[in-house]
Protein backbone atom coordinates (compact mmCIF):
# COMPACT_ATOMS: atom_id res chain seq x y z
CA UNK A 1 121.31 85.66 103.63
CA UNK A 2 122.53 89.28 103.07
CA UNK A 3 121.25 89.19 99.40
CA UNK A 4 117.73 88.08 100.43
CA UNK A 5 117.69 91.14 103.39
CA UNK A 6 118.63 93.38 100.55
CA UNK A 7 115.84 92.23 98.44
CA UNK A 8 113.35 92.50 101.52
CA UNK A 9 114.29 96.10 101.69
CA UNK A 10 114.15 96.73 98.27
CA UNK A 11 110.42 94.99 98.67
CA UNK A 12 109.32 97.35 101.43
CA UNK A 13 110.94 100.31 99.81
CA UNK A 14 109.18 99.42 96.18
CA UNK A 15 106.02 99.50 98.00
CA UNK A 16 106.30 102.52 100.03
CA UNK A 17 106.57 104.35 97.06
CA UNK A 18 104.16 102.69 95.34
CA UNK A 19 101.44 103.86 98.29
CA UNK A 20 103.10 107.15 98.09
CA UNK A 21 102.81 107.96 94.34
CA UNK A 22 99.04 106.45 94.89
CA UNK A 23 98.47 109.46 97.13
CA UNK A 24 97.58 106.29 100.27
CA UNK A 25 99.58 107.35 103.43
CA UNK A 26 101.97 104.69 104.17
CA UNK A 27 101.66 105.04 107.52
CA UNK A 28 98.77 103.73 108.58
CA UNK A 29 94.85 103.61 107.81
CA UNK A 30 92.56 106.88 108.32
CA UNK A 31 90.80 107.81 111.04
CA UNK A 32 86.82 106.06 111.17
CA UNK A 33 85.47 109.14 113.22
CA UNK A 34 85.99 110.75 116.45
CA UNK A 35 84.93 109.21 119.66
CA UNK A 36 82.21 108.66 120.21
CA UNK A 37 80.76 109.31 116.46
CA UNK A 38 81.69 107.46 113.14
CA UNK A 39 81.80 109.70 109.83
CA UNK A 40 78.47 109.98 107.95
CA UNK A 41 76.72 108.56 111.87
CA UNK A 42 73.72 110.61 112.38
CA UNK A 43 72.97 113.79 114.77
CA UNK A 44 72.54 111.26 118.68
CA UNK A 45 69.16 111.51 119.55
CA UNK A 46 68.51 110.60 123.72
CA UNK A 47 71.72 112.32 124.52
CA UNK A 48 72.45 115.05 126.70
CA UNK A 49 74.05 117.40 123.76
CA UNK A 50 74.18 121.80 123.53
CA UNK A 51 73.56 122.97 119.74
CA UNK A 52 76.68 125.88 119.46
CA UNK A 53 76.00 126.84 116.15
CA UNK A 54 73.11 125.49 113.00
CA UNK A 55 72.58 127.19 109.97
CA UNK A 56 69.84 124.48 108.97
CA UNK A 57 72.52 122.25 106.68
CA UNK A 58 75.05 121.97 109.58
CA UNK A 59 75.00 121.86 113.41
CA UNK A 60 78.06 121.90 115.23
CA UNK A 61 77.44 120.52 118.97
CA UNK A 62 78.78 119.84 122.53
CA UNK A 63 78.88 116.82 124.59
CA UNK A 64 78.64 118.18 128.04
CA UNK A 65 80.99 117.34 130.66
CA UNK A 66 83.34 115.03 128.74
CA UNK A 67 86.69 115.38 129.13
CA UNK A 68 89.00 114.01 126.53
CA UNK A 69 92.85 113.62 126.89
CA UNK A 70 94.33 112.44 123.17
CA UNK A 71 97.78 111.08 124.25
CA UNK A 72 99.32 113.06 127.04
CA UNK A 73 97.04 116.43 125.69
CA UNK A 74 94.14 117.93 127.40
CA UNK A 75 91.42 119.05 125.09
CA UNK A 76 89.99 122.32 126.36
CA UNK A 77 86.47 121.79 124.16
CA UNK A 78 85.20 119.74 121.40
CA UNK A 79 82.39 120.17 118.92
CA UNK A 80 81.26 117.95 116.38
CA UNK A 81 79.63 118.93 112.88
CA UNK A 82 77.64 117.33 111.37
CA UNK A 83 75.76 118.61 107.95
CA UNK A 84 72.57 116.85 106.93
CA UNK A 85 72.31 115.03 109.95
CA UNK A 86 75.97 113.22 108.89
CA UNK A 87 78.59 113.13 111.28
CA UNK A 88 81.83 114.93 109.10
CA UNK A 89 84.17 117.48 111.59
CA UNK A 90 85.33 117.24 115.38
CA UNK A 91 87.02 120.80 115.90
CA UNK A 92 89.34 120.16 119.06
CA UNK A 93 90.65 123.34 121.40
CA UNK A 94 93.43 123.14 123.65
CA UNK A 95 95.52 126.10 125.29
CA UNK A 96 99.54 126.58 125.62
CA UNK A 97 102.22 125.62 123.86
CA UNK A 98 102.79 122.29 126.24
CA UNK A 99 99.53 120.58 125.06
CA UNK A 100 100.50 121.27 121.85
CA UNK A 101 103.64 119.63 122.20
CA UNK A 102 101.81 116.81 123.52
CA UNK A 103 99.14 116.56 121.06
CA UNK A 104 101.38 117.00 117.98
CA UNK A 105 103.59 114.15 119.02
CA UNK A 106 100.12 112.03 119.94
CA UNK A 107 99.64 112.32 116.07
CA UNK A 108 102.96 111.34 115.04
CA UNK A 109 102.46 108.52 117.34
CA UNK A 110 98.61 107.68 115.94
CA UNK A 111 99.45 108.42 112.27
CA UNK A 112 102.90 109.31 111.23
CA UNK A 113 104.87 112.15 110.00
CA UNK A 114 102.30 114.77 108.97
CA UNK A 115 102.07 115.28 104.94
CA UNK A 116 102.24 119.03 104.97
CA UNK A 117 104.14 120.93 107.55
CA UNK A 118 105.17 124.26 108.48
CA UNK A 119 106.73 123.98 112.06
CA UNK A 120 107.76 127.84 112.33
CA UNK A 121 103.53 128.55 111.37
CA UNK A 122 103.02 126.11 113.69
CA UNK A 123 100.46 123.45 111.05
CA UNK A 124 100.78 120.57 110.43
CA UNK A 125 97.95 118.30 108.06
CA UNK A 126 97.48 114.48 107.55
CA UNK A 127 96.10 113.82 104.42
CA UNK A 128 93.93 110.64 103.49
CA UNK A 129 91.68 109.93 100.92
CA UNK A 130 88.46 110.84 102.52
CA UNK A 131 89.83 112.41 106.23
CA UNK A 132 92.34 115.17 106.82
CA UNK A 133 93.34 115.44 110.42
CA UNK A 134 94.79 120.03 111.02
CA UNK A 135 96.55 120.96 113.51
CA UNK A 136 97.45 124.80 114.60
CA UNK A 137 98.84 126.31 117.33
CA UNK A 138 98.38 130.02 117.03
CA UNK A 139 101.66 132.06 119.20
CA UNK A 140 99.83 135.00 119.81
CA UNK A 141 96.44 133.57 121.28
CA UNK A 142 98.24 131.01 123.47
CA UNK A 143 95.54 128.63 121.74
CA UNK A 144 95.52 125.77 119.00
CA UNK A 145 92.83 123.55 117.70
CA UNK A 146 93.12 119.98 115.92
CA UNK A 147 90.95 119.21 113.03
CA UNK A 148 89.59 115.71 111.68
CA UNK A 149 87.51 116.27 108.46
CA UNK A 150 85.57 113.66 106.68
CA UNK A 151 86.04 115.13 102.96
CA UNK A 152 82.44 113.21 101.30
CA UNK A 153 80.29 115.40 103.64
CA UNK A 154 82.80 118.62 103.76
CA UNK A 155 82.34 121.88 101.49
CA UNK A 156 84.90 123.12 99.34
CA UNK A 157 86.22 125.64 101.30
CA UNK A 158 86.55 123.22 104.51
CA UNK A 159 88.24 120.72 101.99
CA UNK A 160 90.84 123.39 101.66
CA UNK A 161 92.45 124.19 104.52
């Protein structure tokens, strides 16, 4: 019986190490978008939206009167990015260290430990093949962001952080 448990444990460890070597995030599947949009989905028609910024290829919009919570964290603002009319990013803004801690806990609960962490600078990145989730908090301003990016539609500058 003990030998079987050891073999099972070794098999699980080998699969985790193989997934890490292959660049696969071992903690779960990559996010498929950010509510209410899936990656690559077109700009919604017939929906109440506020255009925040546009430069031709890229458009950021807000969904008015929409309250967002991730876990216990209150999100004060959410911008949705579209490139070439396809959803590729969500930029969430929160205020205060308490909200930062709550959001970090929620992201770690959903996605496991971050792939890159800098606890001193309060900067975390979760990576999958096509998606990155970044969490930052600025002690000086008291504000922070969580950014979801669909890499196939992002420009090089956005991919690098």
